[in-house]
Amino acid sequence: MQIQFLNLYNGVMNVREERAALIADNIANADTPGFKARDVSFDSALASQLADPDAQAAPQYRAGATVALDGNDVALDGERIEAAQNAEQLSASAVFLRQSTADLITALRPNLSGN
């Protein structure tokens, strides 16, 4: 028996973790000359994850960013907002997954009292 929401949330968690790593890399390189911020589209990355759980989404450069004189286009404020939103969504997914699996375990337990 395969439980589809587990596959879905495995993909969601993988994509959120991948985004967190990319955002952290962007923040870490905010002062690196010529560095271009990268990210993944959540929707396309999740579709790739669901089609092939071992697939990694290809990061893309962010379009429309303002480029500094040194060629760096990382906007720290924007990256911090992205990091906070991604962390919040990752946490919400983890809470949902935890509660859902706890409910599933409760439903599968035999009722010994017969009630």
C-alpha atoms as a PDB file:
ATOM      1  CA  MET A   1       0.000   0.000   0.000  1.00  0.00           C
ATOM      2  CA  GLN A   2       1.439   3.307  -1.049  1.00  0.00           C
ATOM      3  CA  ILE A   3       0.332   6.448   0.736  1.00  0.00           C
ATOM      4  CA  GLN A   4       0.308   9.297  -1.785  1.00  0.00           C
ATOM      5  CA  PHE A   5       0.476  12.205   0.652  1.00  0.00           C
ATOM      6  CA  LEU A   6       3.793  10.819   1.939  1.00  0.00           C
ATOM      7  CA  ASN A   7       5.223  10.943  -1.594  1.00  0.00           C
ATOM      8  CA  LEU A   8       3.861  14.447  -2.077  1.00  0.00           C
ATOM      9  CA  TYR A   9       5.257  15.780   1.182  1.00  0.00           C
ATOM     10  CA  ASN A  10       8.581  14.035   0.611  1.00  0.00           C
ATOM     11  CA  GLY A  11       8.824  16.069  -2.596  1.00  0.00           C
ATOM     12  CA  VAL A  12       7.678  19.261  -0.871  1.00  0.00           C
ATOM     13  CA  MET A  13      10.258  18.868   1.891  1.00  0.00           C
ATOM     14  CA  ASN A  14      13.042  18.102  -0.616  1.00  0.00           C
ATOM     15  CA  VAL A  15      12.259  21.187  -2.699  1.00  0.00           C
ATOM     16  CA  ARG A  16      12.021  23.426   0.382  1.00  0.00           C
ATOM     17  CA  GLU A  17      15.408  22.127   1.583  1.00  0.00           C
ATOM     18  CA  GLU A  18      16.914  22.704  -1.848  1.00  0.00           C
ATOM     19  CA  ARG A  19      15.559  26.269  -1.900  1.00  0.00           C
ATOM     20  CA  ALA A  20      16.933  26.893   1.599  1.00  0.00           C
ATOM     21  CA  ALA A  21      20.395  25.824   0.462  1.00  0.00           C
ATOM     22  CA  LEU A  22      20.256  28.059  -2.628  1.00  0.00           C
ATOM     23  CA  ILE A  23      19.043  31.067  -0.636  1.00  0.00           C
ATOM     24  CA  ALA A  24      21.768  30.512   1.968  1.00  0.00           C
ATOM     25  CA  ASP A  25      24.332  30.354  -0.843  1.00  0.00           C
ATOM     26  CA  ASN A  26      22.977  33.617  -2.264  1.00  0.00           C
ATOM     27  CA  ILE A  27      23.268  35.310   1.136  1.00  0.00           C
ATOM     28  CA  ALA A  28      26.763  33.936   1.696  1.00  0.00           C
ATOM     29  CA  ASN A  29      27.886  35.355  -1.652  1.00  0.00           C
ATOM     30  CA  ALA A  30      26.251  38.765  -1.294  1.00  0.00           C
ATOM     31  CA  ASP A  31      29.676  40.446  -1.400  1.00  0.00           C
ATOM     32  CA  THR A  32      31.235  38.226  -4.078  1.00  0.00           C
ATOM     33  CA  PRO A  33      31.932  40.229  -7.252  1.00  0.00           C
ATOM     34  CA  GLY A  34      30.070  38.871 -10.270  1.00  0.00           C
ATOM     35  CA  PHE A  35      27.900  36.456  -8.259  1.00  0.00           C
ATOM     36  CA  LYS A  36      24.382  35.954  -9.616  1.00  0.00           C
ATOM     37  CA  ALA A  37      21.554  34.882  -7.275  1.00  0.00           C
ATOM     38  CA  ARG A  38      19.964  31.520  -8.098  1.00  0.00           C
ATOM     39  CA  ASP A  39      16.687  29.891  -7.134  1.00  0.00           C
ATOM     40  CA  VAL A  40      14.313  27.176  -8.289  1.00  0.00           C
ATOM     41  CA  SER A  41      10.697  27.473  -9.272  1.00  0.00           C
ATOM     42  CA  PHE A  42       8.824  25.624  -6.530  1.00  0.00           C
ATOM     43  CA  ASP A  43       6.115  24.337  -8.895  1.00  0.00           C
ATOM     44  CA  SER A  44       8.475  22.946 -11.534  1.00  0.00           C
ATOM     45  CA  ALA A  45      10.880  21.555  -8.927  1.00  0.00           C
ATOM     46  CA  LEU A  46       8.011  19.772  -7.150  1.00  0.00           C
ATOM     47  CA  ALA A  47       6.758  18.343 -10.448  1.00  0.00           C
ATOM     48  CA  SER A  48      10.271  17.014 -11.108  1.00  0.00           C
ATOM     49  CA  GLN A  49      10.447  15.523  -7.609  1.00  0.00           C
ATOM     50  CA  LEU A  50       7.106  13.782  -7.989  1.00  0.00           C
ATOM     51  CA  ALA A  51       8.082  12.360 -11.394  1.00  0.00           C
ATOM     52  CA  ASP A  52      11.502  11.196 -10.169  1.00  0.00           C
ATOM     53  CA  PRO A  53      12.299  11.373  -6.423  1.00  0.00           C
ATOM     54  CA  ASP A  54      16.052  11.361  -7.174  1.00  0.00           C
ATOM     55  CA  ALA A  55      15.819  14.320  -9.559  1.00  0.00           C
ATOM     56  CA  GLN A  56      17.360  17.650  -8.668  1.00  0.00           C
ATOM     57  CA  ALA A  57      15.755  20.783 -10.074  1.00  0.00           C
ATOM     58  CA  ALA A  58      18.087  22.934 -12.116  1.00  0.00           C
ATOM     59  CA  PRO A  59      18.615  26.269 -10.377  1.00  0.00           C
ATOM     60  CA  GLN A  60      18.003  29.317 -12.506  1.00  0.00           C
ATOM     61  CA  TYR A  61      19.317  32.837 -12.238  1.00  0.00           C
ATOM     62  CA  ARG A  62      16.837  35.347 -10.924  1.00  0.00           C
ATOM     63  CA  ALA A  63      15.511  37.602 -13.648  1.00  0.00           C
ATOM     64  CA  GLY A  64      15.144  41.345 -13.313  1.00  0.00           C
ATOM     65  CA  ALA A  65      17.540  41.806 -10.402  1.00  0.00           C
ATOM     66  CA  THR A  66      19.434  45.051 -10.029  1.00  0.00           C
ATOM     67  CA  VAL A  67      23.116  44.454 -10.678  1.00  0.00           C
ATOM     68  CA  ALA A  68      25.677  46.324  -8.588  1.00  0.00           C
ATOM     69  CA  LEU A  69      28.845  47.874 -10.038  1.00  0.00           C
ATOM     70  CA  ASP A  70      30.800  44.734  -9.112  1.00  0.00           C
ATOM     71  CA  GLY A  71      28.370  42.553 -11.105  1.00  0.00           C
ATOM     72  CA  ASN A  72      26.657  41.044  -8.047  1.00  0.00           C
ATOM     73  CA  ASP A  73      22.859  40.980  -8.111  1.00  0.00           C
ATOM     74  CA  VAL A  74      22.088  39.626  -4.624  1.00  0.00           C
ATOM     75  CA  ALA A  75      19.607  41.799  -2.717  1.00  0.00           C
ATOM     76  CA  LEU A  76      20.082  40.875   0.941  1.00  0.00           C
ATOM     77  CA  ASP A  77      16.680  42.126   2.059  1.00  0.00           C
ATOM     78  CA  GLY A  78      14.938  40.144  -0.664  1.00  0.00           C
ATOM     79  CA  GLU A  79      16.975  37.032   0.168  1.00  0.00           C
ATOM     80  CA  ARG A  80      16.112  37.340   3.856  1.00  0.00           C
ATOM     81  CA  ILE A  81      12.420  37.585   3.002  1.00  0.00           C
ATOM     82  CA  GLU A  82      12.680  34.540   0.714  1.00  0.00           C
ATOM     83  CA  ALA A  83      14.549  32.630   3.441  1.00  0.00           C
ATOM     84  CA  ALA A  84      11.920  33.485   6.066  1.00  0.00           C
ATOM     85  CA  GLN A  85       9.016  32.540   3.783  1.00  0.00           C
ATOM     86  CA  ASN A  86      10.671  29.294   2.745  1.00  0.00           C
ATOM     87  CA  ALA A  87      11.473  28.407   6.372  1.00  0.00           C
ATOM     88  CA  GLU A  88       7.886  29.114   7.399  1.00  0.00           C
ATOM     89  CA  GLN A  89       6.540  26.925   4.602  1.00  0.00           C
ATOM     90  CA  LEU A  90       9.049  24.170   5.421  1.00  0.00           C
ATOM     91  CA  SER A  91       7.979  24.258   9.060  1.00  0.00           C
ATOM     92  CA  ALA A  92       4.294  24.174   8.125  1.00  0.00           C
ATOM     93  CA  SER A  93       4.899  21.194   5.854  1.00  0.00           C
ATOM     94  CA  ALA A  94       6.749  19.368   8.629  1.00  0.00           C
ATOM     95  CA  VAL A  95       3.939  20.023  11.118  1.00  0.00           C
ATOM     96  CA  PHE A  96       1.311  18.853   8.639  1.00  0.00           C
ATOM     97  CA  LEU A  97       3.304  15.728   7.818  1.00  0.00           C
ATOM     98  CA  ARG A  98       3.847  14.922  11.495  1.00  0.00           C
ATOM     99  CA  GLN A  99       0.167  15.335  12.352  1.00  0.00           C
ATOM    100  CA  SER A 100      -0.975  13.398   9.303  1.00  0.00           C
ATOM    101  CA  THR A 101       1.268  10.449  10.069  1.00  0.00           C
ATOM    102  CA  ALA A 102       0.194  10.507  13.723  1.00  0.00           C
ATOM    103  CA  ASP A 103      -3.459  10.434  12.608  1.00  0.00           C
ATOM    104  CA  LEU A 104      -2.698   7.592  10.216  1.00  0.00           C
ATOM    105  CA  ILE A 105      -1.019   5.569  12.969  1.00  0.00           C
ATOM    106  CA  THR A 106      -3.987   6.174  15.265  1.00  0.00           C
ATOM    107  CA  ALA A 107      -6.395   5.045  12.557  1.00  0.00           C
ATOM    108  CA  LEU A 108      -4.419   1.863  11.931  1.00  0.00           C
ATOM    109  CA  ARG A 109      -4.189   0.860  15.600  1.00  0.00           C
ATOM    110  CA  PRO A 110      -6.563  -1.906  16.599  1.00  0.00           C
ATOM    111  CA  ASN A 111      -9.351  -0.874  18.940  1.00  0.00           C
ATOM    112  CA  LEU A 112      -8.969  -3.424  21.720  1.00  0.00           C
ATOM    113  CA  SER A 113     -11.834  -2.040  23.787  1.00  0.00           C
ATOM    114  CA  GLY A 114     -14.316  -2.622  20.957  1.00  0.00           C
ATOM    115  CA  ASN A 115     -15.756   0.891  21.160  1.00  0.00           C
END
